[in-house]
Protein backbone atom coordinates (compact mmCIF):
# COMPACT_ATOMS: atom_id res chain seq x y z
CA MET A 1 -25.00 7.06 0.94
CA GLN A 2 -26.53 8.17 4.19
CA ALA A 3 -25.53 7.94 7.83
CA VAL A 4 -27.10 8.69 11.17
CA ILE A 5 -25.27 10.46 13.98
CA ASP A 6 -25.15 7.86 16.74
CA ARG A 7 -23.26 9.87 19.35
CA PHE A 8 -20.52 12.37 20.01
CA GLU A 9 -17.28 11.56 21.83
CA ASP A 10 -15.15 14.63 22.55
CA LYS A 11 -14.26 16.13 19.16
CA LYS A 12 -15.49 13.10 17.22
CA ALA A 13 -18.83 11.87 15.95
CA VAL A 14 -19.78 8.23 15.57
CA LEU A 15 -21.72 7.82 12.33
CA LEU A 16 -23.66 4.67 11.51
CA VAL A 17 -23.19 4.40 7.76
CA GLY A 18 -25.44 2.69 5.23
CA GLU A 19 -28.13 0.10 5.67
CA ASP A 20 -25.76 -2.08 7.69
CA GLU A 21 -25.10 0.87 10.04
CA ILE A 22 -21.34 0.38 10.03
CA PRO A 23 -19.81 2.63 12.72
CA VAL A 24 -17.37 5.23 11.42
CA ILE A 25 -15.51 7.80 13.55
CA PHE A 26 -15.62 11.25 11.92
CA PRO A 27 -14.19 14.61 13.05
CA LYS A 28 -17.02 16.66 14.54
CA LYS A 29 -15.56 19.91 13.16
CA TYR A 30 -16.51 18.87 9.61
CA LEU A 31 -20.18 18.45 10.45
CA PRO A 32 -22.74 21.27 10.44
CA ALA A 33 -22.87 23.04 13.82
CA GLN A 34 -26.60 22.42 14.31
CA ILE A 35 -26.40 18.65 13.82
CA GLY A 36 -27.23 16.37 16.73
CA GLU A 37 -27.58 12.76 17.75
CA GLY A 38 -30.21 10.98 15.67
CA ASP A 39 -29.82 13.37 12.71
CA TYR A 40 -29.16 11.96 9.24
CA VAL A 41 -26.49 13.15 6.83
CA LYS A 42 -25.76 12.33 3.20
CA ILE A 43 -22.21 11.32 2.25
CA GLU A 44 -20.72 11.58 -1.23
CA ILE A 45 -17.24 10.37 -2.09
CA PHE A 46 -15.55 11.19 -5.36
CA TYR A 47 -12.32 9.89 -6.84
CA ASP A 48 -9.96 12.81 -7.57
CA GLU A 49 -7.85 11.50 -10.43
CA ALA A 50 -5.91 14.75 -10.92
CA GLU A 51 -4.80 14.95 -7.26
CA THR A 52 -3.94 11.24 -7.25
CA LYS A 53 -1.71 11.65 -10.29
CA LYS A 54 -0.08 14.73 -8.75
CA ALA A 55 0.64 12.91 -5.47
CA ASN A 56 2.04 9.89 -7.32
CA ALA A 57 4.33 12.13 -9.40
CA GLU A 58 5.59 13.90 -6.26
CA ALA A 59 6.27 10.56 -4.54
CA LYS A 60 8.12 9.24 -7.58
CA ALA A 61 10.25 12.40 -7.76
CA LEU A 62 11.15 12.11 -4.07
CA GLN A 63 12.07 8.44 -4.50
CA GLN A 64 14.28 9.30 -7.45
CA LEU A 65 15.95 12.09 -5.47
CA ALA A 66 16.62 9.69 -2.57
CA VAL A 67 18.15 7.13 -4.93
CA GLU A 68 20.40 9.76 -6.54
CA GLN A 69 21.54 11.10 -3.15
CA ASN A 70 22.50 7.61 -1.95
CA LYS A 71 24.80 6.84 -4.92
């Protein structure tokens, strides 16, 4: 997927994502320092199954702890 940098607003960048140019607000600090308005970036998103399972297990453990403490 690609996006174009539309503009910067304070510490944020407005990216126009995909062919439909959907505006997305993105933290400027995560972009390369030399990037400017009108520049294109490539975006890749990956599902992290291991981290998802870990977070779900932690949430379940906290819920169980809360239930046990409220008995």
